[in-house]
N, C-alpha and C. Protein backbone atom coordinates (compact mmCIF):
# COMPACT_ATOMS: atom_id res chain seq x y z
N MET A 1 68.73 211.65 97.74
CA MET A 1 68.81 211.46 98.52
C MET A 1 67.98 211.41 99.28
N ARG A 2 66.09 211.81 99.14
CA ARG A 2 65.11 211.37 99.52
C ARG A 2 64.83 209.73 99.71
N LYS A 3 65.36 209.73 98.38
CA LYS A 3 64.44 208.26 98.71
C LYS A 3 65.73 207.35 99.56
N GLN A 4 67.09 207.84 99.08
CA GLN A 4 68.01 206.75 100.32
C GLN A 4 67.37 206.57 101.39
N ARG A 5 66.77 208.09 102.10
CA ARG A 5 66.26 208.34 103.29
C ARG A 5 65.38 207.65 103.61
N THR A 6 64.03 207.17 102.52
CA THR A 6 63.32 206.14 103.06
C THR A 6 63.74 205.18 102.48
N ALA A 7 64.65 204.65 101.92
CA ALA A 7 64.63 203.09 102.12
C ALA A 7 65.68 202.41 102.96
N ARG A 8 66.29 203.64 103.73
CA ARG A 8 66.97 203.21 105.39
C ARG A 8 65.60 203.01 106.29
N LEU A 9 64.65 203.82 106.22
CA LEU A 9 63.84 203.65 107.51
C LEU A 9 63.09 202.88 106.49
N LEU A 10 61.99 202.39 105.49
CA LEU A 10 61.80 201.21 105.31
C LEU A 10 62.71 199.82 105.82
N ALA A 11 64.16 200.18 105.90
CA ALA A 11 64.71 199.08 106.33
C ALA A 11 64.61 198.82 107.47
N ALA A 12 65.02 199.99 108.18
CA ALA A 12 65.10 199.98 110.09
C ALA A 12 63.53 199.29 110.03
N LEU A 13 62.00 199.92 109.23
CA LEU A 13 61.40 199.12 110.07
C LEU A 13 60.47 197.76 109.75
N THR A 14 61.44 197.71 109.23
CA THR A 14 61.19 195.80 108.49
C THR A 14 62.21 194.97 109.88
N LEU A 15 63.43 195.99 110.19
CA LEU A 15 64.33 195.06 110.44
C LEU A 15 63.27 194.96 112.39
N ALA A 16 63.14 196.05 112.26
CA ALA A 16 62.41 196.08 113.94
C ALA A 16 61.06 194.64 113.74
N ALA A 17 60.43 195.12 112.25
CA ALA A 17 58.81 194.51 112.84
C ALA A 17 59.70 192.54 113.22
N LEU A 18 60.28 192.68 111.90
CA LEU A 18 61.11 191.20 112.92
C LEU A 18 61.36 190.92 114.02
N ALA A 19 62.80 191.41 114.34
CA ALA A 19 63.06 190.94 115.75
C ALA A 19 62.03 190.99 116.61
N GLY A 20 60.80 192.19 116.40
CA GLY A 20 60.23 191.67 117.12
C GLY A 20 58.89 190.64 117.90
N ALA A 21 59.26 189.83 116.59
CA ALA A 21 58.44 188.69 115.91
C ALA A 21 59.09 187.25 115.98
N CYS A 22 60.34 187.23 116.47
CA CYS A 22 61.19 186.68 116.63
C CYS A 22 61.74 186.07 117.72
N GLY A 23 61.90 184.75 118.52
CA GLY A 23 61.95 184.26 119.65
C GLY A 23 61.22 184.28 120.57
N ASP A 24 59.75 184.15 120.26
CA ASP A 24 58.45 184.44 121.63
C ASP A 24 57.72 183.13 120.95
N ASP A 25 57.82 181.93 121.33
CA ASP A 25 57.10 180.97 121.40
C ASP A 25 55.24 180.57 121.93
N ASP A 26 55.10 181.59 122.78
CA ASP A 26 53.54 181.69 122.86
C ASP A 26 53.23 182.55 121.94
N PRO A 27 51.89 181.90 121.56
CA PRO A 27 51.36 182.88 120.49
C PRO A 27 50.85 184.06 120.84
N ALA A 28 50.13 184.12 122.44
CA ALA A 28 49.45 184.75 122.74
C ALA A 28 50.14 186.26 122.66
N GLY A 29 51.78 186.15 122.94
CA GLY A 29 52.95 187.38 122.56
C GLY A 29 52.84 187.47 124.68
N PRO A 30 54.34 187.89 124.76
CA PRO A 30 55.34 187.82 126.31
C PRO A 30 53.80 188.92 127.40
N GLY A 31 53.25 188.13 128.28
CA GLY A 31 52.25 188.64 129.45
C GLY A 31 51.22 189.31 128.80
N ARG A 32 50.84 188.41 127.87
CA ARG A 32 49.15 189.23 127.18
C ARG A 32 48.78 187.04 127.50
N GLN A 33 46.95 187.37 127.37
CA GLN A 33 46.18 186.23 127.61
C GLN A 33 46.39 186.11 126.23
N PRO A 34 45.85 184.72 125.70
CA PRO A 34 45.48 183.82 124.69
C PRO A 34 43.98 184.78 123.91
N MET A 35 43.61 184.60 122.49
CA MET A 35 42.58 185.03 122.61
C MET A 35 41.36 183.48 123.04
N PRO A 36 40.15 183.81 123.93
CA PRO A 36 38.88 182.92 124.27
C PRO A 36 38.97 181.82 123.11
N ASP A 37 38.21 180.99 123.71
CA ASP A 37 38.20 179.36 122.30
C ASP A 37 37.30 179.85 122.21
N PHE A 38 36.33 180.13 120.73
CA PHE A 38 35.43 180.84 120.54
C PHE A 38 35.54 179.50 118.95
N ARG A 39 34.24 179.17 118.57
CA ARG A 39 34.14 178.65 117.09
C ARG A 39 32.32 179.57 116.37
N LEU A 40 32.49 180.15 115.19
CA LEU A 40 31.38 180.61 114.24
C LEU A 40 31.92 180.31 113.23
N VAL A 41 30.57 180.39 112.60
CA VAL A 41 30.11 179.64 110.86
C VAL A 41 31.27 181.18 110.13
N ASP A 42 32.48 180.13 108.83
CA ASP A 42 32.50 181.11 107.54
C ASP A 42 31.33 181.40 107.19
N VAL A 43 30.99 182.66 107.18
CA VAL A 43 29.82 183.04 106.12
C VAL A 43 30.82 183.70 104.34
N ASN A 44 31.69 183.28 104.62
CA ASN A 44 32.59 184.02 103.44
C ASN A 44 32.39 183.44 101.88
N PRO A 45 31.37 182.83 100.93
CA PRO A 45 31.22 181.62 99.87
C PRO A 45 32.45 181.85 99.43
N PHE A 46 33.46 182.70 99.34
CA PHE A 46 34.49 182.30 98.70
C PHE A 46 35.63 182.20 98.96
N SER A 47 36.18 181.52 100.90
CA SER A 47 36.91 181.47 101.84
C SER A 47 37.04 179.51 100.99
N ALA A 48 38.21 179.48 101.79
CA ALA A 48 38.64 177.68 101.54
C ALA A 48 37.37 176.98 102.74
N THR A 49 36.96 178.08 103.84
CA THR A 49 36.41 177.17 105.08
C THR A 49 34.73 177.73 104.90
N GLY A 50 34.33 178.22 103.42
CA GLY A 50 32.92 178.62 103.59
C GLY A 50 32.28 177.48 104.37
N GLY A 51 31.61 178.14 105.13
CA GLY A 51 30.50 177.24 105.30
C GLY A 51 31.18 176.57 106.65
N ASP A 52 32.07 176.44 107.17
CA ASP A 52 32.60 175.66 108.22
C ASP A 52 32.50 176.33 109.15
N LEU A 53 32.71 175.53 110.59
CA LEU A 53 33.10 176.17 111.94
C LEU A 53 34.57 176.32 112.03
N VAL A 54 34.68 177.35 112.08
CA VAL A 54 36.46 177.86 112.47
C VAL A 54 36.46 178.71 113.61
N SER A 55 37.84 178.46 114.38
CA SER A 55 38.32 179.14 115.09
C SER A 55 39.20 179.96 115.11
N PRO A 56 39.89 180.61 116.60
CA PRO A 56 41.26 180.87 116.62
C PRO A 56 42.06 180.14 116.56
N ARG A 57 42.15 178.83 117.62
CA ARG A 57 42.69 177.86 117.95
C ARG A 57 42.78 177.14 116.17
N ASP A 58 42.29 177.15 115.07
CA ASP A 58 42.44 176.84 113.84
C ASP A 58 43.50 177.25 113.02
N TYR A 59 44.19 178.43 113.83
CA TYR A 59 45.54 179.59 112.95
C TYR A 59 46.55 180.20 114.20
N LEU A 60 46.28 178.78 115.35
CA LEU A 60 47.86 179.16 116.31
C LEU A 60 48.95 179.27 115.75
N GLY A 61 49.66 179.84 115.60
CA GLY A 61 50.96 180.22 115.04
C GLY A 61 51.24 181.16 113.50
N VAL A 62 50.15 181.30 112.97
CA VAL A 62 50.33 182.17 112.06
C VAL A 62 49.24 183.58 111.94
N VAL A 63 49.54 184.63 111.65
CA VAL A 63 48.76 185.90 111.65
C VAL A 63 47.24 185.93 110.90
N SER A 64 46.48 185.87 111.59
CA SER A 64 45.27 185.85 111.88
C SER A 64 43.97 187.55 111.80
N ALA A 65 43.31 187.66 110.86
CA ALA A 65 42.77 188.94 111.41
C ALA A 65 41.00 188.39 111.24
N TRP A 66 40.49 188.76 112.32
CA TRP A 66 38.77 188.58 112.40
C TRP A 66 38.06 190.10 113.22
N TYR A 67 37.33 189.95 111.54
CA TYR A 67 36.42 191.27 111.83
C TYR A 67 34.91 190.37 111.83
N PHE A 68 34.05 191.41 112.93
CA PHE A 68 33.08 191.23 113.70
C PHE A 68 32.21 192.29 113.37
N GLY A 69 32.00 191.97 111.82
CA GLY A 69 31.02 192.79 111.57
C GLY A 69 29.43 192.92 111.34
N GLN A 70 28.64 194.29 111.27
CA GLN A 70 27.08 193.85 111.89
C GLN A 70 26.57 194.91 110.82
N ALA A 71 25.23 194.17 109.80
CA ALA A 71 24.74 195.06 108.69
C ALA A 71 23.00 195.38 109.35
N THR A 72 22.54 196.14 108.94
CA THR A 72 21.19 196.47 109.88
C THR A 72 20.28 196.88 108.87
């Protein structure tokens, strides 16, 4: 019984996430401003773009995550 409830909840959450991502051609989302354009060097040596300048504009239409870390 608990497994069925968990499976139904997971299915409902998945459908809600998919429904929220459909039908919007605005990459910033409805009522949102796009991220300002900037370019930074990809310092990850294991990345396919390592050493290259990358920008959020390079990833329009796909999910991407940006992390700005600082080591001291």
